[in-house]
Amino acid sequence: MSKATAVFFPAVLALVIVGAFIQLYRVRGRGRAENRNSLRGKKAPSPWVKALSLSASIGLPVYLIGLMSGFAQAPKMCGVESGKGPSNRPDSLTETLFALSHVCKWTDGTVVDLVPSWVNPVLFVCAAGFVLCAAMALWTVIKNRTELADE
């Protein structure tokens, strides 16, 4: 793990956790007084919608963090991460958007990925949670409509 990752990882993780709690607080409708009053006559969002919102509010910032790692001066950062020095440029640089990676390769077999190792597992969990919660929220809406139609 590089020095930059070691320094920024705890700060980014803390921001993501705080953002998730703020999102949960906001979705529950306990923010300002006018939000509380406007939600009194309406049905509260289902737990699946809350979980979907939480998954998206964690996944999007993590994706942006991974996307921006190695964005600026990638060849120089590859040289620094590999221990070869900033002047030793890689022979090839490959980037993918999902699963995120910025892979630098040299002819001597050295391979360095600039995206931190924790980014992709968090993204896959958030994407799976998003899809599952969206499906369950849709199923709940359909189930409630059929129950109302039967009455």
N, C-alpha and C. Protein backbone atom coordinates (compact mmCIF):
# COMPACT_ATOMS: atom_id res chain seq x y z
N MET A 1 0.86 -1.18 0.00
CA MET A 1 0.00 0.00 0.00
C MET A 1 0.89 1.23 0.00
N SER A 2 0.60 2.16 -0.88
CA SER A 2 1.42 3.37 -0.97
C SER A 2 1.13 4.30 0.20
N LYS A 3 2.00 5.29 0.35
CA LYS A 3 1.82 6.26 1.43
C LYS A 3 0.53 7.05 1.24
N ALA A 4 0.25 7.42 0.00
CA ALA A 4 -0.97 8.20 -0.26
C ALA A 4 -2.20 7.39 0.09
N THR A 5 -2.22 6.10 -0.28
CA THR A 5 -3.37 5.26 0.04
C THR A 5 -3.49 5.07 1.54
N ALA A 6 -2.36 4.87 2.20
CA ALA A 6 -2.38 4.68 3.65
C ALA A 6 -2.87 5.92 4.38
N VAL A 7 -2.60 7.08 3.84
CA VAL A 7 -3.02 8.32 4.49
C VAL A 7 -4.48 8.63 4.18
N PHE A 8 -4.89 8.47 2.93
CA PHE A 8 -6.23 8.87 2.52
C PHE A 8 -7.30 7.82 2.77
N PHE A 9 -6.93 6.54 2.87
CA PHE A 9 -7.93 5.49 3.06
C PHE A 9 -8.77 5.72 4.31
N PRO A 10 -8.17 5.95 5.51
CA PRO A 10 -9.03 6.18 6.69
C PRO A 10 -9.92 7.41 6.55
N ALA A 11 -9.40 8.46 5.94
CA ALA A 11 -10.21 9.68 5.78
C ALA A 11 -11.37 9.44 4.83
N VAL A 12 -11.12 8.76 3.73
CA VAL A 12 -12.18 8.47 2.76
C VAL A 12 -13.20 7.52 3.35
N LEU A 13 -12.74 6.51 4.06
CA LEU A 13 -13.65 5.57 4.70
C LEU A 13 -14.54 6.29 5.71
N ALA A 14 -13.97 7.19 6.49
CA ALA A 14 -14.76 7.95 7.45
C ALA A 14 -15.79 8.82 6.74
N LEU A 15 -15.41 9.45 5.63
CA LEU A 15 -16.37 10.27 4.88
C LEU A 15 -17.49 9.43 4.29
N VAL A 16 -17.17 8.24 3.80
CA VAL A 16 -18.20 7.37 3.23
C VAL A 16 -19.17 6.92 4.32
N ILE A 17 -18.66 6.58 5.50
CA ILE A 17 -19.52 6.15 6.60
C ILE A 17 -20.41 7.29 7.08
N VAL A 18 -19.83 8.47 7.23
CA VAL A 18 -20.61 9.63 7.65
C VAL A 18 -21.67 9.96 6.59
N GLY A 19 -21.28 9.90 5.30
CA GLY A 19 -22.25 10.15 4.24
C GLY A 19 -23.39 9.15 4.24
N ALA A 20 -23.07 7.89 4.55
CA ALA A 20 -24.11 6.86 4.61
C ALA A 20 -25.09 7.15 5.73
N PHE A 21 -24.58 7.55 6.90
CA PHE A 21 -25.47 7.86 8.01
C PHE A 21 -26.31 9.11 7.72
N ILE A 22 -25.72 10.09 7.07
CA ILE A 22 -26.48 11.29 6.69
C ILE A 22 -27.57 10.91 5.71
N GLN A 23 -27.25 10.02 4.75
CA GLN A 23 -28.24 9.58 3.78
C GLN A 23 -29.38 8.83 4.46
N LEU A 24 -29.06 7.95 5.38
CA LEU A 24 -30.10 7.22 6.11
C LEU A 24 -30.97 8.18 6.90
N TYR A 25 -30.36 9.16 7.55
CA TYR A 25 -31.10 10.14 8.33
C TYR A 25 -32.04 10.93 7.43
N ARG A 26 -31.53 11.30 6.25
CA ARG A 26 -32.33 12.08 5.31
C ARG A 26 -33.48 11.27 4.74
N VAL A 27 -33.23 10.02 4.41
CA VAL A 27 -34.27 9.17 3.82
C VAL A 27 -35.37 8.90 4.83
N ARG A 28 -35.01 8.81 6.09
CA ARG A 28 -36.02 8.56 7.12
C ARG A 28 -36.93 9.76 7.32
N GLY A 29 -36.54 10.93 6.81
CA GLY A 29 -37.40 12.10 6.90
C GLY A 29 -37.33 12.82 8.23
N ARG A 30 -36.18 12.72 8.88
CA ARG A 30 -36.06 13.39 10.17
C ARG A 30 -35.18 14.63 10.09
N GLY A 31 -35.09 15.20 8.95
CA GLY A 31 -34.27 16.39 8.76
C GLY A 31 -34.95 17.62 9.32
N ARG A 32 -35.22 18.55 8.43
CA ARG A 32 -35.85 19.80 8.84
C ARG A 32 -37.33 19.62 9.15
N ALA A 33 -37.90 20.60 9.79
CA ALA A 33 -39.30 20.52 10.22
C ALA A 33 -40.24 20.38 9.03
N GLU A 34 -39.98 21.09 7.93
CA GLU A 34 -40.89 20.98 6.80
C GLU A 34 -40.84 19.59 6.18
N ASN A 35 -39.71 18.91 6.26
CA ASN A 35 -39.64 17.52 5.77
C ASN A 35 -40.49 16.61 6.65
N ARG A 36 -40.42 16.82 7.95
CA ARG A 36 -41.22 15.98 8.86
C ARG A 36 -42.71 16.21 8.63
N ASN A 37 -43.09 17.49 8.45
CA ASN A 37 -44.51 17.78 8.25
C ASN A 37 -45.01 17.26 6.92
N SER A 38 -44.17 17.31 5.88
CA SER A 38 -44.62 16.84 4.57
C SER A 38 -44.72 15.32 4.53
N LEU A 39 -44.02 14.63 5.40
CA LEU A 39 -44.07 13.17 5.40
C LEU A 39 -45.18 12.62 6.28
N ARG A 40 -45.85 13.46 7.05
CA ARG A 40 -46.89 12.95 7.95
C ARG A 40 -48.06 12.35 7.20
N GLY A 41 -48.44 12.97 6.11
CA GLY A 41 -49.59 12.47 5.37
C GLY A 41 -49.21 11.40 4.35
N LYS A 42 -47.91 11.17 4.14
CA LYS A 42 -47.48 10.21 3.13
C LYS A 42 -46.95 8.95 3.80
N LYS A 43 -46.99 7.90 3.05
CA LYS A 43 -46.42 6.65 3.53
C LYS A 43 -44.90 6.74 3.47
N ALA A 44 -44.23 6.27 4.50
CA ALA A 44 -42.77 6.33 4.55
C ALA A 44 -42.18 5.37 3.51
N PRO A 45 -40.98 5.67 3.02
CA PRO A 45 -40.37 4.77 2.04
C PRO A 45 -40.12 3.40 2.64
N SER A 46 -40.20 2.38 1.81
CA SER A 46 -39.99 1.02 2.30
C SER A 46 -38.53 0.83 2.70
N PRO A 47 -38.26 -0.16 3.52
CA PRO A 47 -36.87 -0.45 3.89
C PRO A 47 -36.00 -0.77 2.68
N TRP A 48 -36.60 -1.33 1.63
CA TRP A 48 -35.82 -1.65 0.44
C TRP A 48 -35.36 -0.38 -0.27
N VAL A 49 -36.19 0.64 -0.28
CA VAL A 49 -35.81 1.91 -0.91
C VAL A 49 -34.71 2.57 -0.08
N LYS A 50 -34.81 2.47 1.22
CA LYS A 50 -33.76 3.02 2.09
C LYS A 50 -32.43 2.32 1.86
N ALA A 51 -32.46 0.99 1.77
CA ALA A 51 -31.24 0.23 1.55
C ALA A 51 -30.67 0.51 0.15
N LEU A 52 -31.54 0.67 -0.84
CA LEU A 52 -31.11 1.02 -2.18
C LEU A 52 -30.39 2.36 -2.19
N SER A 53 -30.95 3.32 -1.49
CA SER A 53 -30.35 4.65 -1.39
C SER A 53 -29.00 4.59 -0.67
N LEU A 54 -28.94 3.79 0.38
CA LEU A 54 -27.69 3.63 1.12
C LEU A 54 -26.63 2.99 0.24
N SER A 55 -26.99 1.98 -0.50
CA SER A 55 -26.05 1.30 -1.38
C SER A 55 -25.50 2.26 -2.44
N ALA A 56 -26.37 3.05 -3.01
CA ALA A 56 -25.93 4.02 -4.02
C ALA A 56 -25.07 5.12 -3.41
N SER A 57 -25.42 5.56 -2.20
CA SER A 57 -24.66 6.65 -1.58
C SER A 57 -23.28 6.19 -1.12
N ILE A 58 -23.08 4.90 -0.95
CA ILE A 58 -21.74 4.39 -0.64
C ILE A 58 -21.00 4.05 -1.93
N GLY A 59 -21.69 3.42 -2.87
CA GLY A 59 -21.05 2.94 -4.09
C GLY A 59 -20.54 4.04 -5.01
N LEU A 60 -21.29 5.11 -5.18
CA LEU A 60 -20.87 6.17 -6.10
C LEU A 60 -19.59 6.88 -5.67
N PRO A 61 -19.45 7.29 -4.40
CA PRO A 61 -18.18 7.93 -4.01
C PRO A 61 -16.99 6.96 -4.09
N VAL A 62 -17.21 5.70 -3.75
CA VAL A 62 -16.12 4.72 -3.84
C VAL A 62 -15.70 4.53 -5.30
N TYR A 63 -16.68 4.49 -6.20
CA TYR A 63 -16.37 4.38 -7.62
C TYR A 63 -15.56 5.59 -8.10
N LEU A 64 -15.96 6.77 -7.67
CA LEU A 64 -15.22 7.97 -8.06
C LEU A 64 -13.80 7.97 -7.50
N ILE A 65 -13.63 7.47 -6.28
CA ILE A 65 -12.29 7.38 -5.70
C ILE A 65 -11.43 6.44 -6.53
N GLY A 66 -11.98 5.29 -6.89
CA GLY A 66 -11.22 4.34 -7.71
C GLY A 66 -10.95 4.87 -9.10
N LEU A 67 -11.92 5.59 -9.66
CA LEU A 67 -11.76 6.15 -10.99
C LEU A 67 -10.66 7.21 -11.02
N MET A 68 -10.56 7.99 -9.96
CA MET A 68 -9.58 9.06 -9.92
C MET A 68 -8.18 8.60 -9.51
N SER A 69 -8.05 7.38 -8.98
CA SER A 69 -6.71 6.90 -8.60
C SER A 69 -5.92 6.63 -9.88
N GLY A 70 -4.81 7.28 -9.98
CA GLY A 70 -3.99 7.14 -11.17
C GLY A 70 -4.45 7.97 -12.33
N PHE A 71 -5.43 8.83 -12.14
CA PHE A 71 -5.97 9.64 -13.23
C PHE A 71 -4.92 10.63 -13.75
N ALA A 72 -4.32 11.33 -12.83
CA ALA A 72 -3.31 12.33 -13.20
C ALA A 72 -1.92 11.72 -13.06
N GLN A 73 -1.13 11.85 -14.08
CA GLN A 73 0.25 11.39 -14.08
C GLN A 73 0.37 9.90 -13.78
N ALA A 74 -0.43 9.09 -14.43
CA ALA A 74 -0.42 7.65 -14.19
C ALA A 74 0.93 7.00 -14.46
N PRO A 75 1.64 7.30 -15.55
CA PRO A 75 2.94 6.65 -15.75
C PRO A 75 3.95 6.97 -14.65
N LYS A 76 3.93 8.20 -14.17
CA LYS A 76 4.85 8.59 -13.09
C LYS A 76 4.48 7.86 -11.80
N MET A 77 3.16 7.78 -11.51
CA MET A 77 2.72 7.10 -10.30
C MET A 77 3.03 5.60 -10.38
N CYS A 78 2.95 5.02 -11.56
CA CYS A 78 3.29 3.60 -11.72
C CYS A 78 4.74 3.35 -11.36
N GLY A 79 5.60 4.22 -11.82
CA GLY A 79 7.02 4.09 -11.50
C GLY A 79 7.28 4.19 -10.02
N VAL A 80 6.59 5.11 -9.36
CA VAL A 80 6.76 5.28 -7.91
C VAL A 80 6.21 4.06 -7.16
N GLU A 81 5.02 3.58 -7.53
CA GLU A 81 4.40 2.43 -6.86
C GLU A 81 5.22 1.16 -7.03
N SER A 82 5.87 1.01 -8.18
CA SER A 82 6.64 -0.20 -8.43
C SER A 82 7.99 -0.18 -7.73
N GLY A 83 8.41 0.99 -7.28
CA GLY A 83 9.72 1.11 -6.64
C GLY A 83 10.84 1.34 -7.64
N LYS A 84 10.51 1.55 -8.91
CA LYS A 84 11.52 1.75 -9.95
C LYS A 84 11.90 3.22 -10.11
N GLY A 85 11.16 4.10 -9.47
CA GLY A 85 11.43 5.53 -9.58
C GLY A 85 10.50 6.19 -10.56
N PRO A 86 10.26 7.50 -10.37
CA PRO A 86 9.29 8.20 -11.22
C PRO A 86 9.72 8.34 -12.68
N SER A 87 11.00 8.21 -12.97
CA SER A 87 11.45 8.37 -14.36
C SER A 87 11.30 7.09 -15.17
N ASN A 88 11.08 5.94 -14.53
CA ASN A 88 10.92 4.67 -15.23
C ASN A 88 9.46 4.48 -15.62
N ARG A 89 9.12 4.76 -16.85
CA ARG A 89 7.75 4.69 -17.34
C ARG A 89 7.38 3.24 -17.69
N PRO A 90 6.13 2.86 -17.50
CA PRO A 90 5.72 1.50 -17.87
C PRO A 90 5.65 1.33 -19.39
N ASP A 91 5.74 0.06 -19.82
CA ASP A 91 5.65 -0.22 -21.25
C ASP A 91 4.21 -0.19 -21.75
N SER A 92 3.27 -0.56 -20.87
CA SER A 92 1.86 -0.47 -21.25
C SER A 92 1.02 -0.08 -20.04
N LEU A 93 -0.05 0.62 -20.31
CA LEU A 93 -0.98 1.07 -19.28
C LEU A 93 -2.38 0.68 -19.74
N THR A 94 -3.06 -0.18 -18.96
CA THR A 94 -4.39 -0.66 -19.31
C THR A 94 -5.38 -0.18 -18.27
N GLU A 95 -6.51 0.37 -18.73
CA GLU A 95 -7.54 0.87 -17.82
C GLU A 95 -8.87 0.20 -18.15
N THR A 96 -9.60 -0.21 -17.10
CA THR A 96 -10.96 -0.72 -17.27
C THR A 96 -11.87 0.03 -16.31
N LEU A 97 -13.14 0.16 -16.69
CA LEU A 97 -14.08 0.93 -15.88
C LEU A 97 -14.88 0.09 -14.90
N PHE A 98 -15.08 -1.20 -15.18
CA PHE A 98 -15.77 -2.05 -14.21
C PHE A 98 -15.28 -3.46 -14.42
N ALA A 99 -14.63 -4.01 -13.59
CA ALA A 99 -13.97 -3.71 -12.35
C ALA A 99 -12.87 -2.67 -12.61
N LEU A 100 -12.80 -1.71 -11.74
CA LEU A 100 -11.87 -0.61 -11.92
C LEU A 100 -10.43 -1.10 -11.83
N SER A 101 -9.62 -0.68 -12.79
CA SER A 101 -8.18 -0.97 -12.69
C SER A 101 -7.42 0.00 -13.59
N HIS A 102 -6.24 0.34 -13.14
CA HIS A 102 -5.25 1.10 -13.89
C HIS A 102 -3.97 0.27 -13.76
N VAL A 103 -3.77 -0.66 -14.67
CA VAL A 103 -2.66 -1.61 -14.58
C VAL A 103 -1.50 -1.15 -15.44
N CYS A 104 -0.33 -1.08 -14.80
CA CYS A 104 0.91 -0.72 -15.49
C CYS A 104 1.77 -1.98 -15.59
N LYS A 105 2.33 -2.22 -16.80
CA LYS A 105 3.16 -3.40 -17.02
C LYS A 105 4.49 -2.99 -17.64
N TRP A 106 5.55 -3.66 -17.18
CA TRP A 106 6.88 -3.50 -17.73
C TRP A 106 7.29 -4.81 -18.40
N THR A 107 8.27 -4.75 -19.27
CA THR A 107 8.71 -5.95 -19.98
C THR A 107 9.41 -6.95 -19.06
N ASP A 108 9.89 -6.50 -17.91
CA ASP A 108 10.55 -7.44 -16.98
C ASP A 108 9.55 -8.24 -16.14
N GLY A 109 8.24 -8.02 -16.37
CA GLY A 109 7.22 -8.78 -15.67
C GLY A 109 6.60 -8.07 -14.48
N THR A 110 7.03 -6.87 -14.17
CA THR A 110 6.47 -6.11 -13.06
C THR A 110 5.09 -5.58 -13.45
N VAL A 111 4.13 -5.79 -12.57
CA VAL A 111 2.75 -5.34 -12.80
C VAL A 111 2.29 -4.56 -11.57
N VAL A 112 1.73 -3.38 -11.78
CA VAL A 112 1.24 -2.54 -10.68
C VAL A 112 -0.16 -2.06 -11.03
N ASP A 113 -1.08 -2.19 -10.07
CA ASP A 113 -2.43 -1.66 -10.23
C ASP A 113 -2.57 -0.44 -9.31
N LEU A 114 -2.92 0.70 -9.89
CA LEU A 114 -3.00 1.93 -9.11
C LEU A 114 -4.29 2.05 -8.30
N VAL A 115 -5.31 1.27 -8.64
CA VAL A 115 -6.58 1.32 -7.90
C VAL A 115 -6.38 0.54 -6.60
N PRO A 116 -6.73 1.15 -5.45
CA PRO A 116 -6.57 0.44 -4.17
C PRO A 116 -7.35 -0.88 -4.16
N SER A 117 -6.84 -1.85 -3.43
CA SER A 117 -7.41 -3.20 -3.46
C SER A 117 -8.80 -3.27 -2.83
N TRP A 118 -9.18 -2.33 -2.00
CA TRP A 118 -10.47 -2.37 -1.33
C TRP A 118 -11.61 -1.82 -2.18
N VAL A 119 -11.29 -1.12 -3.26
CA VAL A 119 -12.32 -0.43 -4.05
C VAL A 119 -13.26 -1.42 -4.75
N ASN A 120 -12.72 -2.39 -5.47
CA ASN A 120 -13.57 -3.29 -6.24
C ASN A 120 -14.47 -4.17 -5.38
N PRO A 121 -14.00 -4.75 -4.26
CA PRO A 121 -14.94 -5.50 -3.42
C PRO A 121 -16.10 -4.65 -2.90
N VAL A 122 -15.81 -3.42 -2.51
CA VAL A 122 -16.88 -2.54 -2.03
C VAL A 122 -17.85 -2.23 -3.17
N LEU A 123 -17.32 -2.00 -4.37
CA LEU A 123 -18.18 -1.73 -5.52
C LEU A 123 -19.08 -2.91 -5.84
N PHE A 124 -18.55 -4.13 -5.80
CA PHE A 124 -19.36 -5.30 -6.12
C PHE A 124 -20.45 -5.51 -5.08
N VAL A 125 -20.12 -5.29 -3.81
CA VAL A 125 -21.14 -5.44 -2.76
C VAL A 125 -22.23 -4.39 -2.93
N CYS A 126 -21.84 -3.15 -3.20
CA CYS A 126 -22.83 -2.08 -3.40
C CYS A 126 -23.68 -2.32 -4.64
N ALA A 127 -23.07 -2.79 -5.72
CA ALA A 127 -23.84 -3.06 -6.95
C ALA A 127 -24.82 -4.21 -6.72
N ALA A 128 -24.37 -5.26 -6.04
CA ALA A 128 -25.28 -6.38 -5.75
C ALA A 128 -26.41 -5.93 -4.82
N GLY A 129 -26.08 -5.13 -3.81
CA GLY A 129 -27.09 -4.60 -2.90
C GLY A 129 -28.08 -3.71 -3.63
N PHE A 130 -27.60 -2.90 -4.55
CA PHE A 130 -28.47 -2.01 -5.31
C PHE A 130 -29.45 -2.81 -6.15
N VAL A 131 -28.95 -3.81 -6.86
CA VAL A 131 -29.82 -4.62 -7.72
C VAL A 131 -30.83 -5.40 -6.89
N LEU A 132 -30.37 -6.01 -5.80
CA LEU A 132 -31.27 -6.78 -4.95
C LEU A 132 -32.35 -5.89 -4.34
N CYS A 133 -31.96 -4.74 -3.82
CA CYS A 133 -32.93 -3.84 -3.19
C CYS A 133 -33.90 -3.26 -4.21
N ALA A 134 -33.42 -2.96 -5.42
CA ALA A 134 -34.32 -2.47 -6.47
C ALA A 134 -35.35 -3.53 -6.84
N ALA A 135 -34.90 -4.77 -6.95
CA ALA A 135 -35.83 -5.86 -7.28
C ALA A 135 -36.84 -6.06 -6.16
N MET A 136 -36.39 -6.03 -4.91
CA MET A 136 -37.30 -6.23 -3.79
C MET A 136 -38.28 -5.06 -3.64
N ALA A 137 -37.82 -3.84 -3.89
CA ALA A 137 -38.72 -2.69 -3.83
C ALA A 137 -39.78 -2.78 -4.92
N LEU A 138 -39.39 -3.18 -6.10
CA LEU A 138 -40.34 -3.35 -7.19
C LEU A 138 -41.33 -4.47 -6.87
N TRP A 139 -40.85 -5.56 -6.32
CA TRP A 139 -41.73 -6.67 -5.95
C TRP A 139 -42.73 -6.24 -4.87
N THR A 140 -42.27 -5.42 -3.91
CA THR A 140 -43.16 -4.93 -2.86
C THR A 140 -44.26 -4.05 -3.44
N VAL A 141 -43.90 -3.18 -4.38
CA VAL A 141 -44.90 -2.32 -5.01
C VAL A 141 -45.92 -3.15 -5.77
N ILE A 142 -45.45 -4.12 -6.53
CA ILE A 142 -46.38 -4.97 -7.29
C ILE A 142 -47.27 -5.77 -6.35
N LYS A 143 -46.71 -6.30 -5.28
CA LYS A 143 -47.49 -7.07 -4.31
C LYS A 143 -48.55 -6.21 -3.64
N ASN A 144 -48.19 -4.97 -3.27
CA ASN A 144 -49.16 -4.08 -2.64
C ASN A 144 -50.28 -3.68 -3.60
N ARG A 145 -49.98 -3.49 -4.87
CA ARG A 145 -51.00 -3.14 -5.85
C ARG A 145 -51.98 -4.29 -6.06
N THR A 146 -51.46 -5.51 -6.09
CA THR A 146 -52.37 -6.64 -6.29
C THR A 146 -53.22 -6.85 -5.06
N GLU A 147 -52.68 -6.59 -3.86
CA GLU A 147 -53.49 -6.70 -2.65
C GLU A 147 -54.57 -5.64 -2.59
N LEU A 148 -54.26 -4.42 -3.05
CA LEU A 148 -55.26 -3.35 -3.10
C LEU A 148 -56.34 -3.66 -4.15
N ALA A 149 -55.94 -4.28 -5.25
CA ALA A 149 -56.90 -4.60 -6.29
C ALA A 149 -57.86 -5.72 -5.84
N ASP A 150 -57.37 -6.61 -4.96
CA ASP A 150 -58.21 -7.70 -4.47
C ASP A 150 -59.25 -7.23 -3.47
N GLU A 151 -59.00 -6.09 -2.83
CA GLU A 151 -59.92 -5.61 -1.77
C GLU A 151 -61.15 -5.00 -2.31
